[in-house]
Amino acid sequence: AERKARALAELELALRSADKPEAVEQAVLQFVAARLGVSGAGFSRRDAVEGLSRARAPQSVVEQSEAFLRECERARYLGGSIAADAARTVARAIDEATHSTALARERSAA
């Protein structure tokens, strides 16, 4: 539960030093993994999208997340940058979308 709560703060810290698209992408993937309560090791865009769908995040949030992560991949391969603010926007949407599922899971586990 603590890891989920810390996820946004940790993302914020990671974004401060993320100067390359892959660093931003990695920070967001780690954030999604933390919000879903799964290991971030080897966590991919597909894992994030499938995990958010399984967590019943609204389709708009799933699509927004996938589009953002695809943008990170594109920037990584073709060059370019990803704004940290764009990552924050996606993260806030994911945070809200996964808040109730995280709470429900914790209640049922208690």
PDB file of N, CA and C in Angstrom:
ATOM      1  N   ALA A   1       0.845  -1.199   0.000  1.00  0.00           N
ATOM      2  CA  ALA A   1       0.000   0.000   0.000  1.00  0.00           C
ATOM      3  C   ALA A   1       0.881   1.249   0.000  1.00  0.00           C
ATOM      4  N   GLU A   2       1.970   1.197   0.772  1.00  0.00           N
ATOM      5  CA  GLU A   2       2.850   2.349   0.861  1.00  0.00           C
ATOM      6  C   GLU A   2       3.506   2.641  -0.488  1.00  0.00           C
ATOM      7  N   ARG A   3       3.863   1.568  -1.200  1.00  0.00           N
ATOM      8  CA  ARG A   3       4.503   1.728  -2.507  1.00  0.00           C
ATOM      9  C   ARG A   3       3.563   2.449  -3.469  1.00  0.00           C
ATOM     10  N   LYS A   4       2.278   2.108  -3.408  1.00  0.00           N
ATOM     11  CA  LYS A   4       1.302   2.761  -4.280  1.00  0.00           C
ATOM     12  C   LYS A   4       1.189   4.237  -3.937  1.00  0.00           C
ATOM     13  N   ALA A   5       1.161   4.530  -2.642  1.00  0.00           N
ATOM     14  CA  ALA A   5       1.032   5.915  -2.194  1.00  0.00           C
ATOM     15  C   ALA A   5       2.262   6.736  -2.564  1.00  0.00           C
ATOM     16  N   ARG A   6       3.426   6.092  -2.511  1.00  0.00           N
ATOM     17  CA  ARG A   6       4.685   6.790  -2.819  1.00  0.00           C
ATOM     18  C   ARG A   6       4.920   6.939  -4.308  1.00  0.00           C
ATOM     19  N   ALA A   7       4.152   6.206  -5.116  1.00  0.00           N
ATOM     20  CA  ALA A   7       4.428   6.127  -6.555  1.00  0.00           C
ATOM     21  C   ALA A   7       4.508   7.501  -7.225  1.00  0.00           C
ATOM     22  N   LEU A   8       3.567   8.382  -6.906  1.00  0.00           N
ATOM     23  CA  LEU A   8       3.541   9.705  -7.548  1.00  0.00           C
ATOM     24  C   LEU A   8       4.762  10.532  -7.132  1.00  0.00           C
ATOM     25  N   ALA A   9       5.116  10.466  -5.855  1.00  0.00           N
ATOM     26  CA  ALA A   9       6.289  11.209  -5.360  1.00  0.00           C
ATOM     27  C   ALA A   9       7.567  10.683  -6.019  1.00  0.00           C
ATOM     28  N   GLU A  10       7.643   9.367  -6.165  1.00  0.00           N
ATOM     29  CA  GLU A  10       8.828   8.772  -6.791  1.00  0.00           C
ATOM     30  C   GLU A  10       8.901   9.144  -8.273  1.00  0.00           C
ATOM     31  N   LEU A  11       7.741   9.184  -8.929  1.00  0.00           N
ATOM     32  CA  LEU A  11       7.718   9.595 -10.334  1.00  0.00           C
ATOM     33  C   LEU A  11       8.237  11.026 -10.446  1.00  0.00           C
ATOM     34  N   GLU A  12       7.775  11.883  -9.558  1.00  0.00           N
ATOM     35  CA  GLU A  12       8.182  13.289  -9.571  1.00  0.00           C
ATOM     36  C   GLU A  12       9.697  13.404  -9.430  1.00  0.00           C
ATOM     37  N   LEU A  13      10.267  12.650  -8.506  1.00  0.00           N
ATOM     38  CA  LEU A  13      11.724  12.647  -8.322  1.00  0.00           C
ATOM     39  C   LEU A  13      12.434  12.165  -9.580  1.00  0.00           C
ATOM     40  N   ALA A  14      11.927  11.081 -10.161  1.00  0.00           N
ATOM     41  CA  ALA A  14      12.543  10.524 -11.366  1.00  0.00           C
ATOM     42  C   ALA A  14      12.472  11.519 -12.522  1.00  0.00           C
ATOM     43  N   LEU A  15      11.359  12.225 -12.640  1.00  0.00           N
ATOM     44  CA  LEU A  15      11.195  13.175 -13.747  1.00  0.00           C
ATOM     45  C   LEU A  15      12.152  14.359 -13.636  1.00  0.00           C
ATOM     46  N   ARG A  16      12.516  14.723 -12.413  1.00  0.00           N
ATOM     47  CA  ARG A  16      13.434  15.855 -12.240  1.00  0.00           C
ATOM     48  C   ARG A  16      14.783  15.596 -12.875  1.00  0.00           C
ATOM     49  N   SER A  17      15.185  14.323 -12.866  1.00  0.00           N
ATOM     50  CA  SER A  17      16.496  14.013 -13.439  1.00  0.00           C
ATOM     51  C   SER A  17      16.380  13.314 -14.795  1.00  0.00           C
ATOM     52  N   ALA A  18      15.152  13.150 -15.292  1.00  0.00           N
ATOM     53  CA  ALA A  18      14.949  12.458 -16.570  1.00  0.00           C
ATOM     54  C   ALA A  18      15.161  13.439 -17.715  1.00  0.00           C
ATOM     55  N   ASP A  19      16.322  13.317 -18.364  1.00  0.00           N
ATOM     56  CA  ASP A  19      16.608  14.250 -19.447  1.00  0.00           C
ATOM     57  C   ASP A  19      16.468  13.578 -20.812  1.00  0.00           C
ATOM     58  N   LYS A  20      16.250  12.271 -20.832  1.00  0.00           N
ATOM     59  CA  LYS A  20      16.121  11.556 -22.102  1.00  0.00           C
ATOM     60  C   LYS A  20      14.759  10.873 -22.161  1.00  0.00           C
ATOM     61  N   PRO A  21      14.225  10.675 -23.375  1.00  0.00           N
ATOM     62  CA  PRO A  21      12.907  10.033 -23.510  1.00  0.00           C
ATOM     63  C   PRO A  21      12.824   8.693 -22.798  1.00  0.00           C
ATOM     64  N   GLU A  22      13.913   7.901 -22.855  1.00  0.00           N
ATOM     65  CA  GLU A  22      13.838   6.581 -22.215  1.00  0.00           C
ATOM     66  C   GLU A  22      13.746   6.701 -20.696  1.00  0.00           C
ATOM     67  N   ALA A  23      14.323   7.759 -20.143  1.00  0.00           N
ATOM     68  CA  ALA A  23      14.248   7.963 -18.692  1.00  0.00           C
ATOM     69  C   ALA A  23      12.820   8.343 -18.289  1.00  0.00           C
ATOM     70  N   VAL A  24      12.182   9.183 -19.093  1.00  0.00           N
ATOM     71  CA  VAL A  24      10.786   9.573 -18.831  1.00  0.00           C
ATOM     72  C   VAL A  24       9.891   8.343 -18.976  1.00  0.00           C
ATOM     73  N   GLU A  25      10.105   7.601 -20.043  1.00  0.00           N
ATOM     74  CA  GLU A  25       9.320   6.387 -20.306  1.00  0.00           C
ATOM     75  C   GLU A  25       9.462   5.404 -19.140  1.00  0.00           C
ATOM     76  N   GLN A  26      10.699   5.187 -18.706  1.00  0.00           N
ATOM     77  CA  GLN A  26      10.969   4.250 -17.614  1.00  0.00           C
ATOM     78  C   GLN A  26      10.294   4.715 -16.332  1.00  0.00           C
ATOM     79  N   ALA A  27      10.355   6.017 -16.072  1.00  0.00           N
ATOM     80  CA  ALA A  27       9.734   6.570 -14.864  1.00  0.00           C
ATOM     81  C   ALA A  27       8.225   6.315 -14.872  1.00  0.00           C
ATOM     82  N   VAL A  28       7.595   6.512 -16.025  1.00  0.00           N
ATOM     83  CA  VAL A  28       6.146   6.310 -16.120  1.00  0.00           C
ATOM     84  C   VAL A  28       5.805   4.817 -16.010  1.00  0.00           C
ATOM     85  N   LEU A  29       6.597   3.965 -16.643  1.00  0.00           N
ATOM     86  CA  LEU A  29       6.356   2.517 -16.538  1.00  0.00           C
ATOM     87  C   LEU A  29       6.490   2.054 -15.089  1.00  0.00           C
ATOM     88  N   GLN A  30       7.518   2.542 -14.382  1.00  0.00           N
ATOM     89  CA  GLN A  30       7.702   2.179 -12.970  1.00  0.00           C
ATOM     90  C   GLN A  30       6.516   2.673 -12.137  1.00  0.00           C
ATOM     91  N   PHE A  31       6.041   3.855 -12.482  1.00  0.00           N
ATOM     92  CA  PHE A  31       4.885   4.424 -11.780  1.00  0.00           C
ATOM     93  C   PHE A  31       3.655   3.540 -11.970  1.00  0.00           C
ATOM     94  N   VAL A  32       3.390   3.136 -13.216  1.00  0.00           N
ATOM     95  CA  VAL A  32       2.222   2.284 -13.496  1.00  0.00           C
ATOM     96  C   VAL A  32       2.349   0.964 -12.745  1.00  0.00           C
ATOM     97  N   ALA A  33       3.535   0.365 -12.789  1.00  0.00           N
ATOM     98  CA  ALA A  33       3.754  -0.907 -12.081  1.00  0.00           C
ATOM     99  C   ALA A  33       3.457  -0.735 -10.588  1.00  0.00           C
ATOM    100  N   ALA A  34       3.942   0.362 -10.008  1.00  0.00           N
ATOM    101  CA  ALA A  34       3.711   0.607  -8.584  1.00  0.00           C
ATOM    102  C   ALA A  34       2.225   0.784  -8.292  1.00  0.00           C
ATOM    103  N   ARG A  35       1.533   1.533  -9.147  1.00  0.00           N
ATOM    104  CA  ARG A  35       0.091   1.749  -8.947  1.00  0.00           C
ATOM    105  C   ARG A  35      -0.692   0.442  -9.072  1.00  0.00           C
ATOM    106  N   LEU A  36      -0.211  -0.454  -9.926  1.00  0.00           N
ATOM    107  CA  LEU A  36      -0.908  -1.732 -10.113  1.00  0.00           C
ATOM    108  C   LEU A  36      -0.461  -2.768  -9.084  1.00  0.00           C
ATOM    109  N   GLY A  37       0.592  -2.429  -8.330  1.00  0.00           N
ATOM    110  CA  GLY A  37       1.073  -3.341  -7.305  1.00  0.00           C
ATOM    111  C   GLY A  37       1.835  -4.533  -7.856  1.00  0.00           C
ATOM    112  N   VAL A  38       2.501  -4.334  -8.997  1.00  0.00           N
ATOM    113  CA  VAL A  38       3.288  -5.414  -9.594  1.00  0.00           C
ATOM    114  C   VAL A  38       4.752  -4.993  -9.703  1.00  0.00           C
ATOM    115  N   SER A  39       5.615  -5.958  -9.978  1.00  0.00           N
ATOM    116  CA  SER A  39       7.038  -5.664 -10.109  1.00  0.00           C
ATOM    117  C   SER A  39       7.285  -4.805 -11.347  1.00  0.00           C
ATOM    118  N   GLY A  40       8.179  -3.849 -11.202  1.00  0.00           N
ATOM    119  CA  GLY A  40       8.509  -2.984 -12.326  1.00  0.00           C
ATOM    120  C   GLY A  40       9.600  -3.560 -13.209  1.00  0.00           C
ATOM    121  N   ALA A  41      10.162  -4.709 -12.808  1.00  0.00           N
ATOM    122  CA  ALA A  41      11.259  -5.309 -13.583  1.00  0.00           C
ATOM    123  C   ALA A  41      10.745  -5.814 -14.919  1.00  0.00           C
ATOM    124  N   GLY A  42      11.346  -5.323 -15.994  1.00  0.00           N
ATOM    125  CA  GLY A  42      10.956  -5.755 -17.335  1.00  0.00           C
ATOM    126  C   GLY A  42       9.551  -5.332 -17.729  1.00  0.00           C
ATOM    127  N   PHE A  43       8.990  -4.365 -17.021  1.00  0.00           N
ATOM    128  CA  PHE A  43       7.628  -3.891 -17.273  1.00  0.00           C
ATOM    129  C   PHE A  43       7.601  -3.101 -18.581  1.00  0.00           C
ATOM    130  N   SER A  44       6.741  -3.476 -19.511  1.00  0.00           N
ATOM    131  CA  SER A  44       6.719  -2.868 -20.843  1.00  0.00           C
ATOM    132  C   SER A  44       5.442  -2.052 -21.066  1.00  0.00           C
ATOM    133  N   ARG A  45       5.405  -1.374 -22.207  1.00  0.00           N
ATOM    134  CA  ARG A  45       4.194  -0.630 -22.565  1.00  0.00           C
ATOM    135  C   ARG A  45       3.003  -1.580 -22.602  1.00  0.00           C
ATOM    136  N   ARG A  46       3.194  -2.753 -23.198  1.00  0.00           N
ATOM    137  CA  ARG A  46       2.088  -3.720 -23.286  1.00  0.00           C
ATOM    138  C   ARG A  46       1.616  -4.127 -21.890  1.00  0.00           C
ATOM    139  N   ASP A  47       2.574  -4.364 -20.976  1.00  0.00           N
ATOM    140  CA  ASP A  47       2.215  -4.718 -19.597  1.00  0.00           C
ATOM    141  C   ASP A  47       1.390  -3.603 -18.957  1.00  0.00           C
ATOM    142  N   ALA A  48       1.812  -2.370 -19.193  1.00  0.00           N
ATOM    143  CA  ALA A  48       1.119  -1.217 -18.611  1.00  0.00           C
ATOM    144  C   ALA A  48      -0.308  -1.131 -19.136  1.00  0.00           C
ATOM    145  N   VAL A  49      -0.453  -1.247 -20.456  1.00  0.00           N
ATOM    146  CA  VAL A  49      -1.777  -1.128 -21.082  1.00  0.00           C
ATOM    147  C   VAL A  49      -2.694  -2.271 -20.613  1.00  0.00           C
ATOM    148  N   GLU A  50      -2.161  -3.493 -20.624  1.00  0.00           N
ATOM    149  CA  GLU A  50      -2.967  -4.644 -20.190  1.00  0.00           C
ATOM    150  C   GLU A  50      -3.308  -4.538 -18.708  1.00  0.00           C
ATOM    151  N   GLY A  51      -2.338  -4.110 -17.911  1.00  0.00           N
ATOM    152  CA  GLY A  51      -2.569  -3.968 -16.473  1.00  0.00           C
ATOM    153  C   GLY A  51      -3.632  -2.934 -16.159  1.00  0.00           C
ATOM    154  N   LEU A  52      -3.575  -1.798 -16.852  1.00  0.00           N
ATOM    155  CA  LEU A  52      -4.577  -0.747 -16.626  1.00  0.00           C
ATOM    156  C   LEU A  52      -5.959  -1.229 -17.062  1.00  0.00           C
ATOM    157  N   SER A  53      -6.021  -1.976 -18.157  1.00  0.00           N
ATOM    158  CA  SER A  53      -7.306  -2.529 -18.609  1.00  0.00           C
ATOM    159  C   SER A  53      -7.864  -3.490 -17.564  1.00  0.00           C
ATOM    160  N   ARG A  54      -6.986  -4.371 -17.075  1.00  0.00           N
ATOM    161  CA  ARG A  54      -7.427  -5.335 -16.053  1.00  0.00           C
ATOM    162  C   ARG A  54      -7.887  -4.634 -14.778  1.00  0.00           C
ATOM    163  N   ALA A  55      -7.240  -3.504 -14.468  1.00  0.00           N
ATOM    164  CA  ALA A  55      -7.602  -2.747 -13.260  1.00  0.00           C
ATOM    165  C   ALA A  55      -8.868  -1.921 -13.500  1.00  0.00           C
ATOM    166  N   ARG A  56      -9.454  -2.092 -14.675  1.00  0.00           N
ATOM    167  CA  ARG A  56     -10.692  -1.391 -15.063  1.00  0.00           C
ATOM    168  C   ARG A  56     -10.532   0.130 -15.094  1.00  0.00           C
ATOM    169  N   ALA A  57      -9.353   0.568 -15.508  1.00  0.00           N
ATOM    170  CA  ALA A  57      -9.164   2.005 -15.716  1.00  0.00           C
ATOM    171  C   ALA A  57     -10.039   2.390 -16.908  1.00  0.00           C
ATOM    172  N   PRO A  58     -10.580   3.602 -16.924  1.00  0.00           N
ATOM    173  CA  PRO A  58     -11.395   4.025 -18.067  1.00  0.00           C
ATOM    174  C   PRO A  58     -10.600   3.885 -19.369  1.00  0.00           C
ATOM    175  N   GLN A  59     -11.288   3.505 -20.439  1.00  0.00           N
ATOM    176  CA  GLN A  59     -10.638   3.300 -21.737  1.00  0.00           C
ATOM    177  C   GLN A  59      -9.858   4.540 -22.165  1.00  0.00           C
ATOM    178  N   SER A  60     -10.384   5.713 -21.849  1.00  0.00           N
ATOM    179  CA  SER A  60      -9.701   6.955 -22.244  1.00  0.00           C
ATOM    180  C   SER A  60      -8.325   7.053 -21.576  1.00  0.00           C
ATOM    181  N   VAL A  61      -8.224   6.597 -20.330  1.00  0.00           N
ATOM    182  CA  VAL A  61      -6.943   6.638 -19.606  1.00  0.00           C
ATOM    183  C   VAL A  61      -5.982   5.599 -20.186  1.00  0.00           C
ATOM    184  N   VAL A  62      -6.533   4.418 -20.507  1.00  0.00           N
ATOM    185  CA  VAL A  62      -5.706   3.362 -21.107  1.00  0.00           C
ATOM    186  C   VAL A  62      -5.128   3.873 -22.431  1.00  0.00           C
ATOM    187  N   GLU A  63      -5.973   4.480 -23.254  1.00  0.00           N
ATOM    188  CA  GLU A  63      -5.530   4.998 -24.560  1.00  0.00           C
ATOM    189  C   GLU A  63      -4.540   6.141 -24.400  1.00  0.00           C
ATOM    190  N   GLN A  64      -4.802   7.027 -23.450  1.00  0.00           N
ATOM    191  CA  GLN A  64      -3.896   8.160 -23.195  1.00  0.00           C
ATOM    192  C   GLN A  64      -2.518   7.633 -22.775  1.00  0.00           C
ATOM    193  N   SER A  65      -2.517   6.629 -21.912  1.00  0.00           N
ATOM    194  CA  SER A  65      -1.264   6.045 -21.437  1.00  0.00           C
ATOM    195  C   SER A  65      -0.501   5.387 -22.576  1.00  0.00           C
ATOM    196  N   GLU A  66      -1.227   4.613 -23.389  1.00  0.00           N
ATOM    197  CA  GLU A  66      -0.568   3.931 -24.502  1.00  0.00           C
ATOM    198  C   GLU A  66      -0.002   4.936 -25.499  1.00  0.00           C
ATOM    199  N   ALA A  67      -0.773   5.970 -25.808  1.00  0.00           N
ATOM    200  CA  ALA A  67      -0.310   6.986 -26.757  1.00  0.00           C
ATOM    201  C   ALA A  67       0.948   7.677 -26.222  1.00  0.00           C
ATOM    202  N   PHE A  68       0.955   7.987 -24.923  1.00  0.00           N
ATOM    203  CA  PHE A  68       2.115   8.648 -24.334  1.00  0.00           C
ATOM    204  C   PHE A  68       3.343   7.742 -24.402  1.00  0.00           C
ATOM    205  N   LEU A  69       3.175   6.468 -24.050  1.00  0.00           N
ATOM    206  CA  LEU A  69       4.312   5.541 -24.053  1.00  0.00           C
ATOM    207  C   LEU A  69       4.817   5.296 -25.475  1.00  0.00           C
ATOM    208  N   ARG A  70       3.919   5.288 -26.452  1.00  0.00           N
ATOM    209  CA  ARG A  70       4.332   5.161 -27.858  1.00  0.00           C
ATOM    210  C   ARG A  70       5.149   6.383 -28.272  1.00  0.00           C
ATOM    211  N   GLU A  71       4.725   7.545 -27.791  1.00  0.00           N
ATOM    212  CA  GLU A  71       5.441   8.799 -28.089  1.00  0.00           C
ATOM    213  C   GLU A  71       6.863   8.734 -27.517  1.00  0.00           C
ATOM    214  N   CYS A  72       6.986   8.176 -26.318  1.00  0.00           N
ATOM    215  CA  CYS A  72       8.305   8.007 -25.700  1.00  0.00           C
ATOM    216  C   CYS A  72       9.172   7.086 -26.561  1.00  0.00           C
ATOM    217  N   GLU A  73       8.582   5.983 -27.014  1.00  0.00           N
ATOM    218  CA  GLU A  73       9.328   5.038 -27.863  1.00  0.00           C
ATOM    219  C   GLU A  73       9.789   5.716 -29.149  1.00  0.00           C
ATOM    220  N   ARG A  74       8.885   6.471 -29.748  1.00  0.00           N
ATOM    221  CA  ARG A  74       9.218   7.165 -30.994  1.00  0.00           C
ATOM    222  C   ARG A  74      10.379   8.131 -30.772  1.00  0.00           C
ATOM    223  N   ALA A  75      10.307   8.890 -29.689  1.00  0.00           N
ATOM    224  CA  ALA A  75      11.369   9.856 -29.382  1.00  0.00           C
ATOM    225  C   ALA A  75      12.685   9.137 -29.113  1.00  0.00           C
ATOM    226  N   ARG A  76      12.586   7.963 -28.499  1.00  0.00           N
ATOM    227  CA  ARG A  76      13.782   7.194 -28.178  1.00  0.00           C
ATOM    228  C   ARG A  76      14.466   6.732 -29.465  1.00  0.00           C
ATOM    229  N   TYR A  77      13.685   6.298 -30.437  1.00  0.00           N
ATOM    230  CA  TYR A  77      14.273   5.779 -31.678  1.00  0.00           C
ATOM    231  C   TYR A  77      14.601   6.866 -32.689  1.00  0.00           C
ATOM    232  N   LEU A  78      13.758   7.880 -32.766  1.00  0.00           N
ATOM    233  CA  LEU A  78      13.937   8.900 -33.805  1.00  0.00           C
ATOM    234  C   LEU A  78      14.586  10.170 -33.293  1.00  0.00           C
ATOM    235  N   GLY A  79      14.808  10.241 -31.988  1.00  0.00           N
ATOM    236  CA  GLY A  79      15.346  11.469 -31.420  1.00  0.00           C
ATOM    237  C   GLY A  79      14.207  12.396 -31.061  1.00  0.00           C
ATOM    238  N   GLY A  80      14.477  13.335 -30.230  1.00  0.00           N
ATOM    239  CA  GLY A  80      13.434  14.239 -29.777  1.00  0.00           C
ATOM    240  C   GLY A  80      13.338  14.156 -28.272  1.00  0.00           C
ATOM    241  N   SER A  81      12.418  14.920 -27.735  1.00  0.00           N
ATOM    242  CA  SER A  81      12.299  14.931 -26.278  1.00  0.00           C
ATOM    243  C   SER A  81      10.843  14.760 -25.880  1.00  0.00           C
ATOM    244  N   ILE A  82      10.666  14.395 -24.633  1.00  0.00           N
ATOM    245  CA  ILE A  82       9.341  14.221 -24.055  1.00  0.00           C
ATOM    246  C   ILE A  82       9.248  15.166 -22.870  1.00  0.00           C
ATOM    247  N   ALA A  83       8.213  15.977 -22.856  1.00  0.00           N
ATOM    248  CA  ALA A  83       8.058  16.938 -21.759  1.00  0.00           C
ATOM    249  C   ALA A  83       7.669  16.220 -20.474  1.00  0.00           C
ATOM    250  N   ALA A  84       8.346  16.583 -19.386  1.00  0.00           N
ATOM    251  CA  ALA A  84       8.018  15.995 -18.087  1.00  0.00           C
ATOM    252  C   ALA A  84       6.564  16.303 -17.723  1.00  0.00           C
ATOM    253  N   ASP A  85       6.075  17.467 -18.145  1.00  0.00           N
ATOM    254  CA  ASP A  85       4.681  17.822 -17.848  1.00  0.00           C
ATOM    255  C   ASP A  85       3.700  16.857 -18.502  1.00  0.00           C
ATOM    256  N   ALA A  86       4.049  16.369 -19.681  1.00  0.00           N
ATOM    257  CA  ALA A  86       3.185  15.395 -20.359  1.00  0.00           C
ATOM    258  C   ALA A  86       3.131  14.113 -19.532  1.00  0.00           C
ATOM    259  N   ALA A  87       4.274  13.723 -18.979  1.00  0.00           N
ATOM    260  CA  ALA A  87       4.331  12.534 -18.123  1.00  0.00           C
ATOM    261  C   ALA A  87       3.492  12.744 -16.864  1.00  0.00           C
ATOM    262  N   ARG A  88       3.569  13.944 -16.296  1.00  0.00           N
ATOM    263  CA  ARG A  88       2.791  14.239 -15.082  1.00  0.00           C
ATOM    264  C   ARG A  88       1.295  14.165 -15.368  1.00  0.00           C
ATOM    265  N   THR A  89       0.876  14.679 -16.513  1.00  0.00           N
ATOM    266  CA  THR A  89      -0.545  14.663 -16.882  1.00  0.00           C
ATOM    267  C   THR A  89      -1.050  13.229 -16.981  1.00  0.00           C
ATOM    268  N   VAL A  90      -0.289  12.390 -17.680  1.00  0.00           N
ATOM    269  CA  VAL A  90      -0.661  10.981 -17.824  1.00  0.00           C
ATOM    270  C   VAL A  90      -0.672  10.310 -16.458  1.00  0.00           C
ATOM    271  N   ALA A  91       0.340  10.580 -15.644  1.00  0.00           N
ATOM    272  CA  ALA A  91       0.442   9.951 -14.327  1.00  0.00           C
ATOM    273  C   ALA A  91      -0.732  10.322 -13.434  1.00  0.00           C
ATOM    274  N   ARG A  92      -1.148  11.591 -13.499  1.00  0.00           N
ATOM    275  CA  ARG A  92      -2.294  12.001 -12.668  1.00  0.00           C
ATOM    276  C   ARG A  92      -3.558  11.264 -13.095  1.00  0.00           C
ATOM    277  N   ALA A  93      -3.743  11.105 -14.406  1.00  0.00           N
ATOM    278  CA  ALA A  93      -4.914  10.377 -14.905  1.00  0.00           C
ATOM    279  C   ALA A  93      -4.874   8.921 -14.446  1.00  0.00           C
ATOM    280  N   ILE A  94      -3.693   8.308 -14.534  1.00  0.00           N
ATOM    281  CA  ILE A  94      -3.523   6.913 -14.100  1.00  0.00           C
ATOM    282  C   ILE A  94      -3.748   6.814 -12.592  1.00  0.00           C
ATOM    283  N   ASP A  95      -3.205   7.781 -11.854  1.00  0.00           N
ATOM    284  CA  ASP A  95      -3.336   7.786 -10.404  1.00  0.00           C
ATOM    285  C   ASP A  95      -4.810   7.794 -10.007  1.00  0.00           C
ATOM    286  N   GLU A  96      -5.583   8.694 -10.626  1.00  0.00           N
ATOM    287  CA  GLU A  96      -7.012   8.772 -10.324  1.00  0.00           C
ATOM    288  C   GLU A  96      -7.727   7.498 -10.743  1.00  0.00           C
ATOM    289  N   ALA A  97      -7.374   6.983 -11.916  1.00  0.00           N
ATOM    290  CA  ALA A  97      -8.047   5.794 -12.447  1.00  0.00           C
ATOM    291  C   ALA A  97      -7.766   4.553 -11.606  1.00  0.00           C
ATOM    292  N   THR A  98      -6.593   4.497 -10.974  1.00  0.00           N
ATOM    293  CA  THR A  98      -6.229   3.297 -10.217  1.00  0.00           C
ATOM    294  C   THR A  98      -6.443   3.471  -8.718  1.00  0.00           C
ATOM    295  N   HIS A  99      -6.844   4.652  -8.306  1.00  0.00           N
ATOM    296  CA  HIS A  99      -6.993   4.918  -6.871  1.00  0.00           C
ATOM    297  C   HIS A  99      -8.035   3.990  -6.246  1.00  0.00           C
ATOM    298  N   SER A 100      -9.214   3.923  -6.840  1.00  0.00           N
ATOM    299  CA  SER A 100     -10.283   3.118  -6.248  1.00  0.00           C
ATOM    300  C   SER A 100      -9.985   1.628  -6.347  1.00  0.00           C
ATOM    301  N   THR A 101      -9.359   1.192  -7.457  1.00  0.00           N
ATOM    302  CA  THR A 101      -9.050  -0.240  -7.575  1.00  0.00           C
ATOM    303  C   THR A 101      -8.011  -0.633  -6.536  1.00  0.00           C
ATOM    304  N   ALA A 102      -7.049   0.245  -6.291  1.00  0.00           N
ATOM    305  CA  ALA A 102      -6.025  -0.049  -5.290  1.00  0.00           C
ATOM    306  C   ALA A 102      -6.675  -0.144  -3.910  1.00  0.00           C
ATOM    307  N   LEU A 103      -7.588   0.769  -3.619  1.00  0.00           N
ATOM    308  CA  LEU A 103      -8.257   0.759  -2.323  1.00  0.00           C
ATOM    309  C   LEU A 103      -9.121  -0.484  -2.177  1.00  0.00           C
ATOM    310  N   ALA A 104      -9.836  -0.837  -3.229  1.00  0.00           N
ATOM    311  CA  ALA A 104     -10.709  -2.012  -3.180  1.00  0.00           C
ATOM    312  C   ALA A 104      -9.875  -3.272  -2.927  1.00  0.00           C
ATOM    313  N   ARG A 105      -8.733  -3.358  -3.587  1.00  0.00           N
ATOM    314  CA  ARG A 105      -7.878  -4.529  -3.428  1.00  0.00           C
ATOM    315  C   ARG A 105      -7.368  -4.591  -1.981  1.00  0.00           C
ATOM    316  N   GLU A 106      -7.005  -3.434  -1.425  1.00  0.00           N
ATOM    317  CA  GLU A 106      -6.494  -3.429  -0.056  1.00  0.00           C
ATOM    318  C   GLU A 106      -7.585  -3.801   0.938  1.00  0.00           C
ATOM    319  N   ARG A 107      -8.810  -3.334   0.689  1.00  0.00           N
ATOM    320  CA  ARG A 107      -9.921  -3.669   1.580  1.00  0.00           C
ATOM    321  C   ARG A 107     -10.200  -5.171   1.556  1.00  0.00           C
ATOM    322  N   SER A 108     -10.192  -5.746   0.354  1.00  0.00           N
ATOM    323  CA  SER A 108     -10.500  -7.183   0.254  1.00  0.00           C
ATOM    324  C   SER A 108      -9.370  -8.028   0.837  1.00  0.00           C
ATOM    325  N   ALA A 109      -8.167  -7.485   0.861  1.00  0.00           N
ATOM    326  CA  ALA A 109      -7.021  -8.222   1.404  1.00  0.00           C
ATOM    327  C   ALA A 109      -6.982  -8.115   2.937  1.00  0.00           C
ATOM    328  N   ALA A 110      -7.606  -7.091   3.466  1.00  0.00           N
ATOM    329  CA  ALA A 110      -7.559  -6.850   4.922  1.00  0.00           C
ATOM    330  C   ALA A 110      -8.388  -7.866   5.700  1.00  0.00           C
TER     331      ALA A 110
END
